[in-house]
Amino acid sequence: MKLFERILDSRIREIFQLSENQCGFVAGCGTIDAIHAARLLVEKHSEIQKPQKGDASECSNYRGIKLISHTMKIYERLVDSRLREMVTISQEQRGFMPEKSITNAIFIARQVMEKYREKRKPCYMAFLDLEKAYDRLSQAVLCK
């Protein structure tokens, strides 16, 4: 997998360099600069044109958004896999995790509830939806 990522990463860089060479954008050396240049490419060329209307090797005769969107998906997967290697994620995390699902979490919660019900003991559960937590709370509050 590591070899595949390195090969793919170099291919993505080649694609951005081709965009830079054909369209006159300065993408610089960093990946973020290349992504910014790709966004400029999409913004500049907002109309799909047929290749027979002009030279297909010129950027002004086509819209490169399809190539860029697929490339960005691949790039996001690479970044995701690298981040998962560096960041420790709790074993209790169920959403957006390979081989884990919300369905399993619901099953586990129901099993716990049934065990407490069998023993006739109260069971208290809290369900938190933190989808927009980072948008609405200050970082100081979240870190407490």
Protein backbone atom coordinates (compact mmCIF):
# COMPACT_ATOMS: atom_id res chain seq x y z
CA MET A 1 0.00 0.00 0.00
CA LYS A 2 2.83 2.43 0.82
CA LEU A 3 4.40 1.92 -2.62
CA PHE A 4 1.01 2.49 -4.27
CA GLU A 5 0.56 5.73 -2.29
CA ARG A 6 3.99 7.01 -3.32
CA ILE A 7 3.34 6.21 -6.99
CA LEU A 8 -0.10 7.80 -6.84
CA ASP A 9 1.23 10.85 -5.01
CA SER A 10 3.82 11.41 -7.74
CA ARG A 11 1.11 11.01 -10.41
CA ILE A 12 -1.03 13.67 -8.72
CA ARG A 13 1.95 16.03 -8.67
CA GLU A 14 2.48 15.37 -12.40
CA ILE A 15 -1.15 16.24 -13.13
CA PHE A 16 -0.88 19.52 -11.24
CA GLN A 17 2.38 20.32 -13.02
CA LEU A 18 0.72 19.68 -16.38
CA SER A 19 -2.08 22.06 -15.38
CA GLU A 20 0.51 24.64 -14.40
CA ASN A 21 2.45 24.27 -17.66
CA GLN A 22 -0.59 24.43 -19.94
CA CYS A 23 -2.53 27.16 -18.17
CA GLY A 24 0.21 29.42 -16.90
CA PHE A 25 -0.56 29.01 -13.19
CA VAL A 26 2.26 29.07 -10.70
CA ALA A 27 1.64 26.09 -8.43
CA GLY A 28 4.89 26.35 -6.50
CA CYS A 29 6.52 23.43 -4.75
CA GLY A 30 3.95 22.67 -2.05
CA THR A 31 0.87 20.52 -2.41
CA ILE A 32 -1.41 23.19 -0.94
CA ASP A 33 -0.21 25.66 -3.56
CA ALA A 34 -0.94 23.07 -6.25
CA ILE A 35 -4.45 22.56 -4.91
CA HIS A 36 -5.03 26.32 -4.93
CA ALA A 37 -3.83 26.45 -8.55
CA ALA A 38 -6.24 23.63 -9.42
CA ARG A 39 -9.11 25.60 -7.89
CA LEU A 40 -8.13 28.61 -9.98
CA LEU A 41 -8.19 26.36 -13.05
CA VAL A 42 -11.77 25.32 -12.28
CA GLU A 43 -12.89 28.90 -11.59
CA LYS A 44 -11.32 30.24 -14.79
CA HIS A 45 -12.85 27.59 -17.05
CA SER A 46 -16.50 27.27 -16.08
CA GLU A 47 -17.86 26.10 -19.43
CA ILE A 48 -17.44 22.69 -21.07
CA GLN A 49 -16.32 23.10 -24.68
CA LYS A 50 -16.06 20.42 -27.35
CA PRO A 51 -12.53 19.50 -28.50
CA GLN A 52 -13.35 20.13 -32.22
CA LYS A 53 -13.86 23.83 -31.47
CA GLY A 54 -10.15 24.30 -30.94
CA ASP A 55 -6.82 22.78 -30.06
CA ALA A 56 -7.39 20.12 -27.37
CA SER A 57 -3.93 20.74 -25.91
CA GLU A 58 -4.87 24.30 -24.91
CA CYS A 59 -6.45 24.72 -21.51
CA SER A 60 -8.88 27.38 -22.75
CA ASN A 61 -10.66 24.84 -24.99
CA TYR A 62 -11.86 22.49 -22.26
CA ARG A 63 -12.83 22.38 -18.61
CA GLY A 64 -10.54 20.25 -16.45
CA ILE A 65 -12.92 19.88 -13.51
CA LYS A 66 -13.58 16.15 -13.95
CA LEU A 67 -9.89 15.35 -13.82
CA ILE A 68 -9.44 17.60 -10.81
CA SER A 69 -12.43 16.29 -8.86
CA HIS A 70 -11.30 12.67 -9.22
CA THR A 71 -7.76 13.68 -8.40
CA MET A 72 -8.90 15.52 -5.30
CA LYS A 73 -10.85 12.46 -4.12
CA ILE A 74 -7.72 10.35 -4.46
CA TYR A 75 -5.68 13.02 -2.71
CA GLU A 76 -8.21 13.19 0.16
CA ARG A 77 -7.99 9.42 0.61
CA LEU A 78 -4.21 9.63 0.78
CA VAL A 79 -4.35 12.39 3.38
CA ASP A 80 -6.99 10.44 5.35
CA SER A 81 -4.88 7.27 5.43
CA ARG A 82 -1.78 9.20 6.49
CA LEU A 83 -3.67 11.04 9.24
CA ARG A 84 -5.13 7.79 10.57
CA GLU A 85 -1.57 6.45 10.91
CA MET A 86 -0.48 9.50 12.94
CA VAL A 87 -3.58 10.20 15.07
CA THR A 88 -4.87 7.87 17.77
CA ILE A 89 -8.61 7.34 17.38
CA SER A 90 -10.63 5.97 20.28
CA GLN A 91 -11.76 2.34 20.03
CA GLU A 92 -15.27 3.56 20.85
CA GLN A 93 -15.42 5.66 17.66
CA ARG A 94 -17.98 4.05 15.33
CA GLY A 95 -18.76 6.57 12.60
CA PHE A 96 -16.49 6.87 9.56
CA MET A 97 -14.30 3.97 10.68
CA PRO A 98 -13.42 0.91 8.60
CA GLU A 99 -15.17 -2.29 9.74
CA LYS A 100 -17.26 -0.36 12.31
CA SER A 101 -20.69 1.11 11.92
CA ILE A 102 -23.41 2.98 13.75
CA THR A 103 -25.58 -0.14 13.42
CA ASN A 104 -23.15 -2.07 15.62
CA ALA A 105 -23.18 0.74 18.19
CA ILE A 106 -27.00 0.67 18.30
CA PHE A 107 -26.91 -3.12 18.74
CA ILE A 108 -24.45 -2.81 21.64
CA ALA A 109 -26.57 -0.09 23.30
CA ARG A 110 -29.69 -2.28 23.03
CA GLN A 111 -27.82 -5.24 24.53
CA VAL A 112 -26.70 -3.10 27.49
CA MET A 113 -30.27 -1.82 27.99
CA GLU A 114 -31.67 -5.36 27.95
CA LYS A 115 -29.10 -6.57 30.51
CA TYR A 116 -30.03 -3.72 32.87
CA ARG A 117 -33.74 -4.39 32.32
CA GLU A 118 -33.24 -8.10 33.17
CA LYS A 119 -31.55 -7.09 36.44
CA ARG A 120 -34.26 -4.47 37.07
CA LYS A 121 -31.67 -1.72 37.45
CA PRO A 122 -31.93 1.78 36.01
CA CYS A 123 -29.95 2.44 32.85
CA TYR A 124 -28.90 5.96 31.87
CA MET A 125 -27.50 6.73 28.44
CA ALA A 126 -26.50 9.97 26.75
CA PHE A 127 -26.31 10.37 23.00
CA LEU A 128 -24.33 13.32 21.68
CA ASP A 129 -24.35 14.59 18.12
CA LEU A 130 -21.14 16.56 17.73
CA GLU A 131 -21.54 17.21 14.00
CA LYS A 132 -21.51 21.00 14.35
CA ALA A 133 -19.71 21.21 17.69
CA TYR A 134 -16.58 22.79 16.25
CA ASP A 135 -18.63 25.43 14.43
CA ARG A 136 -20.65 26.55 17.45
CA LEU A 137 -18.36 26.21 20.48
CA SER A 138 -15.10 27.90 21.30
CA GLN A 139 -11.98 25.76 21.32
CA ALA A 140 -11.47 26.57 25.02
CA VAL A 141 -14.87 25.06 25.89
CA LEU A 142 -14.21 21.94 23.81
CA CYS A 143 -10.82 21.32 25.43
CA LYS A 144 -12.24 21.35 29.00
